[in-house]
C-alpha atoms as a PDB file:
ATOM      1  CA  MET A   1      25.387 -14.184 -27.422  1.00  0.00           C
ATOM      2  CA  SER A   2      26.441 -17.334 -25.689  1.00  0.00           C
ATOM      3  CA  ARG A   3      24.063 -19.746 -24.009  1.00  0.00           C
ATOM      4  CA  SER A   4      25.560 -18.869 -20.606  1.00  0.00           C
ATOM      5  CA  ASN A   5      24.841 -15.180 -21.098  1.00  0.00           C
ATOM      6  CA  ASP A   6      21.244 -16.022 -22.104  1.00  0.00           C
ATOM      7  CA  THR A   7      20.857 -18.082 -18.936  1.00  0.00           C
ATOM      8  CA  LEU A   8      22.203 -15.323 -16.716  1.00  0.00           C
ATOM      9  CA  GLU A   9      19.999 -12.732 -18.428  1.00  0.00           C
ATOM     10  CA  ARG A  10      16.917 -14.863 -17.976  1.00  0.00           C
ATOM     11  CA  LEU A  11      17.861 -15.445 -14.341  1.00  0.00           C
ATOM     12  CA  GLU A  12      18.320 -11.754 -13.739  1.00  0.00           C
ATOM     13  CA  ALA A  13      14.948 -10.979 -15.313  1.00  0.00           C
ATOM     14  CA  THR A  14      13.333 -13.635 -13.100  1.00  0.00           C
ATOM     15  CA  LEU A  15      14.969 -12.173  -9.996  1.00  0.00           C
ATOM     16  CA  GLU A  16      13.735  -8.714 -10.924  1.00  0.00           C
ATOM     17  CA  ALA A  17      10.199 -10.048 -11.317  1.00  0.00           C
ATOM     18  CA  ARG A  18      10.385 -11.796  -7.927  1.00  0.00           C
ATOM     19  CA  ARG A  19      11.363  -8.542  -6.147  1.00  0.00           C
ATOM     20  CA  SER A  20       7.737  -7.415  -6.223  1.00  0.00           C
ATOM     21  CA  ALA A  21       6.089 -10.849  -6.121  1.00  0.00           C
ATOM     22  CA  ASP A  22       4.113 -12.186  -3.197  1.00  0.00           C
ATOM     23  CA  ALA A  23       6.420 -13.811  -0.635  1.00  0.00           C
ATOM     24  CA  ASP A  24       4.230 -16.919  -0.654  1.00  0.00           C
ATOM     25  CA  SER A  25       4.571 -17.269  -4.425  1.00  0.00           C
ATOM     26  CA  SER A  26       8.285 -18.125  -4.684  1.00  0.00           C
ATOM     27  CA  TYR A  27      11.427 -18.869  -2.737  1.00  0.00           C
ATOM     28  CA  VAL A  28      13.184 -15.781  -4.101  1.00  0.00           C
ATOM     29  CA  ALA A  29      10.225 -13.541  -3.313  1.00  0.00           C
ATOM     30  CA  SER A  30      10.320 -14.852   0.253  1.00  0.00           C
ATOM     31  CA  LEU A  31      14.040 -14.059   0.492  1.00  0.00           C
ATOM     32  CA  PHE A  32      13.427 -10.507  -0.738  1.00  0.00           C
ATOM     33  CA  ALA A  33      10.564 -10.132   1.760  1.00  0.00           C
ATOM     34  CA  ARG A  34      12.708 -11.345   4.656  1.00  0.00           C
ATOM     35  CA  GLY A  35      15.345  -8.768   3.819  1.00  0.00           C
ATOM     36  CA  GLU A  36      19.073  -8.356   3.620  1.00  0.00           C
ATOM     37  CA  ASP A  37      20.050 -10.318   6.693  1.00  0.00           C
ATOM     38  CA  ALA A  38      18.171 -13.421   5.477  1.00  0.00           C
ATOM     39  CA  ILE A  39      19.800 -13.102   2.062  1.00  0.00           C
ATOM     40  CA  LEU A  40      23.216 -12.628   3.633  1.00  0.00           C
ATOM     41  CA  GLN A  41      22.733 -15.681   5.790  1.00  0.00           C
ATOM     42  CA  LYS A  42      21.818 -17.731   2.708  1.00  0.00           C
ATOM     43  CA  VAL A  43      24.832 -16.491   0.756  1.00  0.00           C
ATOM     44  CA  GLY A  44      27.038 -17.462   3.700  1.00  0.00           C
ATOM     45  CA  GLU A  45      25.491 -20.915   3.961  1.00  0.00           C
ATOM     46  CA  GLU A  46      25.901 -21.559   0.258  1.00  0.00           C
ATOM     47  CA  ALA A  47      29.535 -20.325   0.292  1.00  0.00           C
ATOM     48  CA  THR A  48      30.293 -22.712   3.152  1.00  0.00           C
ATOM     49  CA  GLU A  49      28.643 -25.604   1.298  1.00  0.00           C
ATOM     50  CA  PHE A  50      30.710 -24.690  -1.810  1.00  0.00           C
ATOM     51  CA  LEU A  51      33.924 -24.843   0.233  1.00  0.00           C
ATOM     52  CA  LEU A  52      32.994 -28.179   1.749  1.00  0.00           C
ATOM     53  CA  ALA A  53      32.063 -29.547  -1.665  1.00  0.00           C
ATOM     54  CA  SER A  54      35.527 -28.579  -2.914  1.00  0.00           C
ATOM     55  CA  LYS A  55      37.075 -30.852  -0.283  1.00  0.00           C
ATOM     56  CA  SER A  56      34.772 -33.767  -1.267  1.00  0.00           C
ATOM     57  CA  GLY A  57      36.507 -34.318  -4.588  1.00  0.00           C
ATOM     58  CA  ASP A  58      33.110 -34.615  -6.304  1.00  0.00           C
ATOM     59  CA  ALA A  59      33.112 -32.314  -9.356  1.00  0.00           C
ATOM     60  CA  VAL A  60      29.353 -32.577  -9.857  1.00  0.00           C
ATOM     61  CA  HIS A  61      28.623 -31.609  -6.263  1.00  0.00           C
ATOM     62  CA  LEU A  62      31.106 -28.742  -6.472  1.00  0.00           C
ATOM     63  CA  THR A  63      29.459 -27.446  -9.628  1.00  0.00           C
ATOM     64  CA  LYS A  64      26.015 -27.563  -8.057  1.00  0.00           C
ATOM     65  CA  GLU A  65      27.215 -25.708  -5.014  1.00  0.00           C
ATOM     66  CA  ALA A  66      28.942 -23.110  -7.219  1.00  0.00           C
ATOM     67  CA  ALA A  67      25.632 -22.548  -8.963  1.00  0.00           C
ATOM     68  CA  ASP A  68      23.929 -22.065  -5.560  1.00  0.00           C
ATOM     69  CA  VAL A  69      26.534 -19.480  -4.571  1.00  0.00           C
ATOM     70  CA  TRP A  70      26.151 -17.568  -7.832  1.00  0.00           C
ATOM     71  CA  PHE A  71      22.371 -17.680  -7.574  1.00  0.00           C
ATOM     72  CA  HIS A  72      22.201 -16.349  -4.039  1.00  0.00           C
ATOM     73  CA  MET A  73      24.913 -13.763  -4.738  1.00  0.00           C
ATOM     74  CA  LEU A  74      22.794 -12.472  -7.628  1.00  0.00           C
ATOM     75  CA  VAL A  75      19.749 -12.340  -5.292  1.00  0.00           C
ATOM     76  CA  LEU A  76      21.797 -10.154  -2.927  1.00  0.00           C
ATOM     77  CA  MET A  77      23.036  -7.954  -5.739  1.00  0.00           C
ATOM     78  CA  LYS A  78      19.456  -7.513  -7.030  1.00  0.00           C
ATOM     79  CA  HIS A  79      18.337  -6.651  -3.482  1.00  0.00           C
ATOM     80  CA  LYS A  80      20.929  -3.892  -3.491  1.00  0.00           C
ATOM     81  CA  GLY A  81      19.819  -2.596  -6.894  1.00  0.00           C
ATOM     82  CA  LEU A  82      22.861  -4.082  -8.642  1.00  0.00           C
ATOM     83  CA  GLY A  83      23.232  -6.920 -11.086  1.00  0.00           C
ATOM     84  CA  MET A  84      25.267  -8.929 -13.471  1.00  0.00           C
ATOM     85  CA  ALA A  85      26.342  -5.876 -15.495  1.00  0.00           C
ATOM     86  CA  ASP A  86      27.926  -4.392 -12.383  1.00  0.00           C
ATOM     87  CA  ILE A  87      29.929  -7.551 -11.692  1.00  0.00           C
ATOM     88  CA  LEU A  88      30.971  -7.942 -15.330  1.00  0.00           C
ATOM     89  CA  GLY A  89      31.986  -4.277 -15.460  1.00  0.00           C
ATOM     90  CA  GLU A  90      34.222  -4.752 -12.443  1.00  0.00           C
ATOM     91  CA  LEU A  91      35.789  -7.883 -13.954  1.00  0.00           C
ATOM     92  CA  GLU A  92      36.393  -6.055 -17.218  1.00  0.00           C
ATOM     93  CA  LYS A  93      38.229  -3.281 -15.327  1.00  0.00           C
ATOM     94  CA  ARG A  94      40.450  -5.892 -13.784  1.00  0.00           C
ATOM     95  CA  GLU A  95      41.137  -7.774 -17.023  1.00  0.00           C
ATOM     96  CA  GLY A  96      44.841  -7.739 -17.884  1.00  0.00           C
ATOM     97  CA  LEU A  97      45.705  -6.354 -14.465  1.00  0.00           C
ATOM     98  CA  SER A  98      48.016  -8.369 -12.241  1.00  0.00           C
ATOM     99  CA  GLY A  99      46.149  -9.814  -9.271  1.00  0.00           C
ATOM    100  CA  LEU A 100      48.805  -8.366  -6.979  1.00  0.00           C
ATOM    101  CA  ASP A 101      48.393  -4.911  -8.519  1.00  0.00           C
ATOM    102  CA  GLU A 102      44.608  -5.134  -8.302  1.00  0.00           C
ATOM    103  CA  LYS A 103      44.736  -6.113  -4.660  1.00  0.00           C
ATOM    104  CA  ALA A 104      47.176  -3.269  -3.886  1.00  0.00           C
ATOM    105  CA  SER A 105      44.831  -0.805  -5.574  1.00  0.00           C
ATOM    106  CA  ARG A 106      41.991  -1.846  -3.249  1.00  0.00           C
ATOM    107  CA  THR A 107      44.009  -0.948  -0.148  1.00  0.00           C
ATOM    108  CA  ALA A 108      44.629   2.524  -1.615  1.00  0.00           C
ATOM    109  CA  ASP A 109      40.877   3.164  -2.056  1.00  0.00           C
END
């Protein structure tokens, strides 16, 4: 297993543990306690910061903002009872499929 998979698995385990933690004990626990709207707002903020970082031309800043987006997206997925396996499963289904064909299949759903 690659280091990146280990990191994501540890992160997912931490997020799961924070779902039932005291809101005063961690940032993630406080997000879960505040609910979906608070998590959605944070995902939106981080996505915006990621887009702005892309325009800055600073690769380090862009990478840090990408990590923030991934992190908060995983918090939202965990809040919904989903996780990394669900995302990876969807990506695997799309592997080898033309992006145009994949997009067209979504409109048919």
